[in-house]
Structures are given as structure tokens and as C-alpha cells.
Amino acid sequence: MPALHVLGWEQAPTYNRDTHAVLWSFNGTRDGGGRIFNAAVLKLGRYGFERIVLIDNTAAPADAMAELLLVANAHQFVPGATYGDYVPSTDHAATYGIAGLVAGVLGVKLVKVGALVGLAVFAKKLVWLAVLPFVWLWRKVRRKKPTKTSAASSAGGVPEA
């Protein structure tokens, strides 16, 4: 697959409060020649977002953008899952804003989020160390102590009466 080279924003990321969507587009070229137009819409919902992407080699970005907006406006979340259905007292909110969301979708490394994810993965791998004492204690409790009867029978003798 040929490499893509971003030339610049056709439209910088913008948030539309009426539709609860983030829209951006940029122009680029690919190795071997050829123009690329890339546009995306993030439609925010109660539990996350839906990403709608258009990649085109058109010389008319306005026409491509009109098609993308047509598809984006046709997409609807199911009742109860829309952005307006968010309940602050029960639903969890993301700790990053629109800029962090766009950066994450575009693949830009976010140090804060990345560090937290790395810490969580590290902690998950070390959780077995916290479990080891309990496993040792469980095995010690479950181990049967030999009695006189079992000791005599294991030695091949006859139990005393």
C-alpha cells in the first residue's frame, strides 16, 4: 500500500453542538502520485461515538463533503443511546475532550491516556502476586494431616485396637 502524505487541513476539526458531531477533513497525496481527500465525522452518543469516514481521490472536495454529510445525517442512534440521553448521575463520561477524541481517532499519542492504559496493563499482569499468599494459605488449610490410623496403614502394619 502506498504511503500517504498529509498536505494540510481542508477543514480543521469543529464541533457542532446541534448535531453533537465533530467534523474534519484534510488533503494529501500518495506515493506514485495522486491526490487524496480524507474526511471524517464523529457522531457522539450516550455510550461512545460512531466514526464515519470518506476517502476519495476527487478534485472536488465540496462534492465529497456533501456526500459524507448526507450519510452522517442519515445515521441515527437507537432511542436511549443518543447524546441527549446522557444521564450525568449514572453514566460515565470520558476524561478527555473533543481534542483528545480527535487526536485518538487520528492516531496521535496522548501521553496522559497512554500512561493510564499502560499502568492498568502493568497492574493487571502483577495481580497474580497479590493472589499467591491466598493460594498458599488455601493449600495449607486443605492439606490433610496424617493420623495414627492412616500412618499405620501406609507403613503396611495393622492398626491397633
Protein backbone atom coordinates (compact mmCIF):
# COMPACT_ATOMS: atom_id res chain seq x y z
CA MET A 1 0.00 0.00 0.00
CA PRO A 2 1.50 3.38 -0.95
CA ALA A 3 2.36 5.86 1.78
CA LEU A 4 0.10 8.86 2.34
CA HIS A 5 1.43 12.37 2.89
CA VAL A 6 -0.85 14.90 4.56
CA LEU A 7 -0.75 18.33 2.93
CA GLY A 8 -2.99 20.14 5.38
CA TRP A 9 -6.48 20.63 6.72
CA GLU A 10 -9.28 21.21 4.26
CA GLN A 11 -11.40 21.83 7.37
CA ALA A 12 -9.93 21.76 10.87
CA PRO A 13 -11.86 19.69 13.45
CA THR A 14 -15.03 21.50 14.50
CA TYR A 15 -17.76 20.50 16.92
CA ASN A 16 -21.39 21.08 16.00
CA ARG A 17 -23.45 21.48 19.19
CA ASP A 18 -26.75 20.97 17.36
CA THR A 19 -25.89 17.57 15.86
CA HIS A 20 -23.33 16.53 18.52
CA ALA A 21 -20.83 15.68 15.83
CA VAL A 22 -17.19 16.50 15.13
CA LEU A 23 -16.20 17.04 11.51
CA TRP A 24 -12.81 17.40 9.84
CA SER A 25 -11.13 16.86 6.50
CA PHE A 26 -7.64 17.07 5.06
CA ASN A 27 -5.87 16.80 1.74
CA GLY A 28 -2.95 14.60 0.91
CA THR A 29 -1.02 12.80 -1.76
CA ARG A 30 0.20 9.24 -2.06
CA ASP A 31 3.47 7.86 -3.27
CA GLY A 32 3.41 7.45 -7.02
CA GLY A 33 1.16 10.47 -7.46
CA GLY A 34 -2.48 11.02 -6.92
CA ARG A 35 -4.48 13.28 -4.70
CA ILE A 36 -6.30 12.04 -1.59
CA PHE A 37 -9.19 13.71 0.21
CA ASN A 38 -9.98 12.32 3.66
CA ALA A 39 -12.93 13.47 5.73
CA ALA A 40 -14.49 12.11 8.90
CA VAL A 41 -17.46 12.69 11.15
CA LEU A 42 -17.62 11.51 14.75
CA LYS A 43 -21.24 11.30 15.88
CA LEU A 44 -21.32 11.37 19.67
CA GLY A 45 -23.73 9.13 21.52
CA ARG A 46 -24.52 8.23 25.10
CA TYR A 47 -22.09 5.30 25.22
CA GLY A 48 -19.40 6.43 22.80
CA PHE A 49 -19.22 7.58 19.21
CA GLU A 50 -19.68 6.36 15.68
CA ARG A 51 -16.97 7.21 13.14
CA ILE A 52 -17.97 7.77 9.52
CA VAL A 53 -15.02 8.17 7.14
CA LEU A 54 -14.76 9.15 3.49
CA ILE A 55 -11.57 8.67 1.49
CA ASP A 56 -11.69 9.89 -2.08
CA ASN A 57 -9.35 10.89 -4.87
CA THR A 58 -11.69 13.59 -6.11
CA ALA A 59 -10.67 17.00 -7.30
CA ALA A 60 -13.93 18.38 -5.86
CA PRO A 61 -13.75 18.13 -2.05
CA ALA A 62 -17.01 20.07 -1.66
CA ASP A 63 -18.95 17.35 -3.51
CA ALA A 64 -17.29 14.61 -1.46
CA MET A 65 -18.04 16.50 1.75
CA ALA A 66 -21.71 16.85 0.75
CA GLU A 67 -21.91 13.06 0.30
CA LEU A 68 -20.29 12.45 3.68
CA LEU A 69 -22.70 14.81 5.41
CA LEU A 70 -25.63 13.10 3.72
CA VAL A 71 -24.54 9.74 5.15
CA ALA A 72 -23.70 11.22 8.56
CA ASN A 73 -27.09 12.92 8.84
CA ALA A 74 -28.85 9.67 7.89
CA HIS A 75 -27.15 7.83 10.77
CA GLN A 76 -29.21 7.80 13.96
CA PHE A 77 -28.51 6.21 17.33
CA VAL A 78 -31.24 4.00 18.76
CA PRO A 79 -33.58 5.67 21.28
CA GLY A 80 -31.89 5.80 24.67
CA ALA A 81 -28.38 5.84 23.20
CA THR A 82 -28.33 9.37 21.78
CA TYR A 83 -26.09 12.09 23.12
CA GLY A 84 -29.13 13.84 24.59
CA ASP A 85 -30.00 10.71 26.63
CA TYR A 86 -26.81 11.02 28.71
CA VAL A 87 -27.52 10.88 32.47
CA PRO A 88 -24.72 12.52 34.48
CA SER A 89 -25.57 10.72 37.73
CA THR A 90 -25.33 7.20 36.29
CA ASP A 91 -23.33 7.35 33.03
CA HIS A 92 -19.55 7.56 32.88
CA ALA A 93 -18.01 10.45 30.99
CA ALA A 94 -14.71 10.43 29.15
CA THR A 95 -11.91 12.33 30.85
CA TYR A 96 -10.66 13.87 27.61
CA GLY A 97 -12.38 16.47 25.50
CA ILE A 98 -13.11 16.76 21.80
CA ALA A 99 -9.45 17.49 21.02
CA GLY A 100 -8.38 14.28 22.78
CA LEU A 101 -11.08 12.32 20.98
CA VAL A 102 -9.99 13.62 17.57
CA ALA A 103 -6.33 13.01 18.40
CA GLY A 104 -7.11 9.46 19.49
CA VAL A 105 -9.07 8.72 16.33
CA LEU A 106 -6.30 10.17 14.17
CA GLY A 107 -3.73 8.04 15.99
CA VAL A 108 -1.90 10.83 17.80
CA LYS A 109 -0.35 9.58 21.04
CA LEU A 110 -1.90 11.04 24.15
CA VAL A 111 0.58 10.83 27.00
CA LYS A 112 -1.97 11.01 29.81
CA VAL A 113 -4.34 8.40 28.40
CA GLY A 114 -1.46 6.21 27.22
CA ALA A 115 0.19 6.29 30.63
CA LEU A 116 -3.03 5.28 32.37
CA VAL A 117 -3.62 2.43 29.95
CA GLY A 118 -0.03 1.25 30.36
CA LEU A 119 -0.34 1.39 34.15
CA ALA A 120 -3.58 -0.61 34.03
CA VAL A 121 -2.00 -3.30 31.84
CA PHE A 122 1.03 -3.47 34.16
CA ALA A 123 -1.19 -3.77 37.24
CA LYS A 124 -3.25 -6.49 35.58
CA LYS A 125 -0.13 -8.54 34.90
CA LEU A 126 1.03 -8.22 38.52
CA VAL A 127 -2.29 -9.09 40.14
CA TRP A 128 -1.18 -12.72 40.43
CA LEU A 129 1.39 -11.61 43.05
CA ALA A 130 -1.45 -10.49 45.30
CA VAL A 131 -3.22 -13.82 44.83
CA LEU A 132 -0.21 -16.02 45.69
CA PRO A 133 -0.49 -15.72 49.52
CA PHE A 134 -4.13 -16.76 49.36
CA VAL A 135 -3.35 -19.77 47.18
CA TRP A 136 -0.58 -20.83 49.58
CA LEU A 137 -2.89 -20.44 52.60
CA TRP A 138 -5.69 -22.38 50.87
CA ARG A 139 -3.37 -25.28 50.09
CA LYS A 140 -2.04 -25.31 53.67
CA VAL A 141 -5.55 -25.43 55.11
CA ARG A 142 -6.73 -28.11 52.67
CA ARG A 143 -3.72 -30.39 53.26
CA LYS A 144 -4.70 -33.40 55.41
CA LYS A 145 -2.56 -34.20 58.42
CA PRO A 146 -1.71 -37.89 58.78
CA THR A 147 -3.46 -39.67 61.68
CA LYS A 148 -2.25 -42.75 63.56
CA THR A 149 -4.59 -44.97 61.57
CA SER A 150 -3.51 -43.64 58.19
CA ALA A 151 0.17 -43.70 59.23
CA ALA A 152 -0.04 -47.33 60.29
CA SER A 153 -1.85 -48.41 57.14
CA SER A 154 0.64 -46.61 54.95
CA ALA A 155 3.50 -48.40 56.78
CA GLY A 156 1.91 -51.76 56.00
CA GLY A 157 1.02 -52.51 59.61
CA VAL A 158 -2.26 -53.39 61.23
CA PRO A 159 -3.99 -50.66 63.17
CA GLU A 160 -4.02 -51.19 66.90
CA ALA A 161 -7.30 -51.98 68.55
